[in-house]
Amino acid sequence: MKKHCFALDLVDDAKLIEDYKVAHQKVWPEIIKSIKDSGIEDLEIYLVGNRLFMIMVVNDSFSFEQKNAMDANNPKVQEWETLMWNYQQALPMAKEGEKWMLMEKIFQL
């Protein structure tokens, strides 16, 4: 098992942030299936202010390339991502089109 951590911002608007939180209380079943089918064993999202932090625990079959290909060919995932982009905004240092940014682990106890 490996752990990957990501960051992303939400649009800094209290109503949009609340709507985003509500959407994640009822994630579409097709999205949950897609996550699990890719080899993601556990996934958590945390929020502070308008900054999101995602922790993803993956099994040995997981690959970012395979997950990206699966998502690109799944209309429901594309629909969800388009919907979520209404609430999300790229981090200031993100490249064009970059969403969730993989974080570098710099410490472990």
Protein backbone atom coordinates (compact mmCIF):
# COMPACT_ATOMS: atom_id res chain seq x y z
CA MET A 1 0.00 0.00 0.00
CA LYS A 2 1.13 3.51 -0.83
CA LYS A 3 -0.23 6.86 0.29
CA HIS A 4 -0.47 9.94 -1.94
CA CYS A 5 -1.49 13.41 -0.76
CA PHE A 6 -2.88 16.18 -2.94
CA ALA A 7 -3.95 19.80 -2.55
CA LEU A 8 -6.48 21.93 -4.40
CA ASP A 9 -8.37 25.13 -3.64
CA LEU A 10 -12.06 25.85 -3.69
CA VAL A 11 -13.48 29.12 -4.93
CA ASP A 12 -13.42 31.32 -1.83
CA ASP A 13 -17.18 31.68 -1.50
CA ALA A 14 -19.02 30.36 1.59
CA LYS A 15 -22.09 29.18 -0.37
CA LEU A 16 -20.00 27.32 -2.98
CA ILE A 17 -17.87 25.73 -0.26
CA GLU A 18 -20.99 24.53 1.54
CA ASP A 19 -22.42 23.17 -1.73
CA TYR A 20 -19.15 21.30 -2.36
CA LYS A 21 -19.32 19.75 1.11
CA VAL A 22 -22.93 18.70 0.52
CA ALA A 23 -22.01 17.12 -2.84
CA HIS A 24 -19.40 15.00 -1.06
CA GLN A 25 -21.99 13.67 1.38
CA LYS A 26 -23.70 11.97 -1.58
CA VAL A 27 -20.99 11.15 -4.11
CA TRP A 28 -22.50 9.40 -7.12
CA PRO A 29 -22.20 5.58 -6.97
CA GLU A 30 -20.48 5.55 -10.38
CA ILE A 31 -17.73 7.76 -8.97
CA ILE A 32 -17.24 5.52 -5.92
CA LYS A 33 -17.04 2.49 -8.24
CA SER A 34 -14.51 4.23 -10.47
CA ILE A 35 -12.35 5.10 -7.46
CA LYS A 36 -12.41 1.54 -6.12
CA ASP A 37 -11.90 -0.06 -9.56
CA SER A 38 -8.68 1.92 -10.04
CA GLY A 39 -6.98 0.40 -7.00
CA ILE A 40 -7.71 3.17 -4.52
CA GLU A 41 -8.39 1.50 -1.18
CA ASP A 42 -9.17 4.59 0.88
CA LEU A 43 -9.67 8.25 0.07
CA GLU A 44 -10.25 11.17 2.43
CA ILE A 45 -10.67 14.89 1.73
CA TYR A 46 -10.08 17.54 4.38
CA LEU A 47 -10.90 21.25 4.22
CA VAL A 48 -9.42 24.31 5.90
CA GLY A 49 -10.60 27.72 4.73
CA ASN A 50 -10.89 27.13 0.99
CA ARG A 51 -7.92 24.70 0.77
CA LEU A 52 -8.58 21.01 0.20
CA PHE A 53 -6.22 18.22 1.21
CA MET A 54 -6.78 14.70 -0.14
CA ILE A 55 -5.20 11.52 1.21
CA MET A 56 -5.35 8.53 -1.12
CA VAL A 57 -4.25 5.03 -0.08
CA VAL A 58 -3.69 2.77 -3.08
CA ASN A 59 -2.92 -0.90 -3.58
CA ASP A 60 -0.10 -2.31 -5.71
CA SER A 61 -2.26 -2.41 -8.86
CA PHE A 62 -2.82 1.37 -8.86
CA SER A 63 -1.16 3.62 -11.43
CA PHE A 64 -1.79 7.28 -12.16
CA GLU A 65 -1.64 6.61 -15.90
CA GLN A 66 -4.28 3.87 -15.72
CA LYS A 67 -6.53 5.99 -13.46
CA ASN A 68 -6.27 8.96 -15.85
CA ALA A 69 -7.11 6.73 -18.84
CA MET A 70 -10.06 5.16 -17.01
CA ASP A 71 -11.39 8.59 -16.04
CA ALA A 72 -10.97 10.02 -19.54
CA ASN A 73 -13.11 7.17 -20.93
CA ASN A 74 -15.83 7.33 -18.28
CA PRO A 75 -18.62 9.82 -19.11
CA LYS A 76 -19.93 9.84 -15.51
CA VAL A 77 -16.48 10.69 -14.13
CA GLN A 78 -16.16 13.47 -16.72
CA GLU A 79 -19.61 14.78 -15.75
CA TRP A 80 -18.65 14.74 -12.03
CA GLU A 81 -15.32 16.46 -12.69
CA THR A 82 -17.03 19.17 -14.76
CA LEU A 83 -19.55 19.72 -11.97
CA MET A 84 -16.83 19.85 -9.29
CA TRP A 85 -14.83 22.38 -11.31
CA ASN A 86 -17.65 24.85 -10.61
CA TYR A 87 -16.46 24.86 -7.00
CA GLN A 88 -12.73 24.25 -7.43
CA GLN A 89 -9.90 26.49 -8.56
CA ALA A 90 -6.31 25.65 -9.34
CA LEU A 91 -3.59 26.36 -6.83
CA PRO A 92 -1.58 29.51 -7.66
CA MET A 93 1.43 27.46 -8.76
CA ALA A 94 -0.57 25.01 -10.92
CA LYS A 95 0.11 24.63 -14.61
CA GLU A 96 -2.66 25.21 -17.14
CA GLY A 97 -5.35 22.54 -16.72
CA GLU A 98 -3.77 21.10 -13.56
CA LYS A 99 -6.24 20.32 -10.80
CA TRP A 100 -5.31 18.26 -7.75
CA MET A 101 -1.56 18.71 -7.18
CA LEU A 102 0.50 15.85 -5.77
CA MET A 103 2.25 16.94 -2.58
CA GLU A 104 5.81 16.07 -1.61
CA LYS A 105 6.20 14.26 1.70
CA ILE A 106 8.85 16.05 3.73
CA PHE A 107 8.47 14.51 7.19
CA GLN A 108 7.28 11.32 8.87
CA LEU A 109 7.42 10.44 12.55
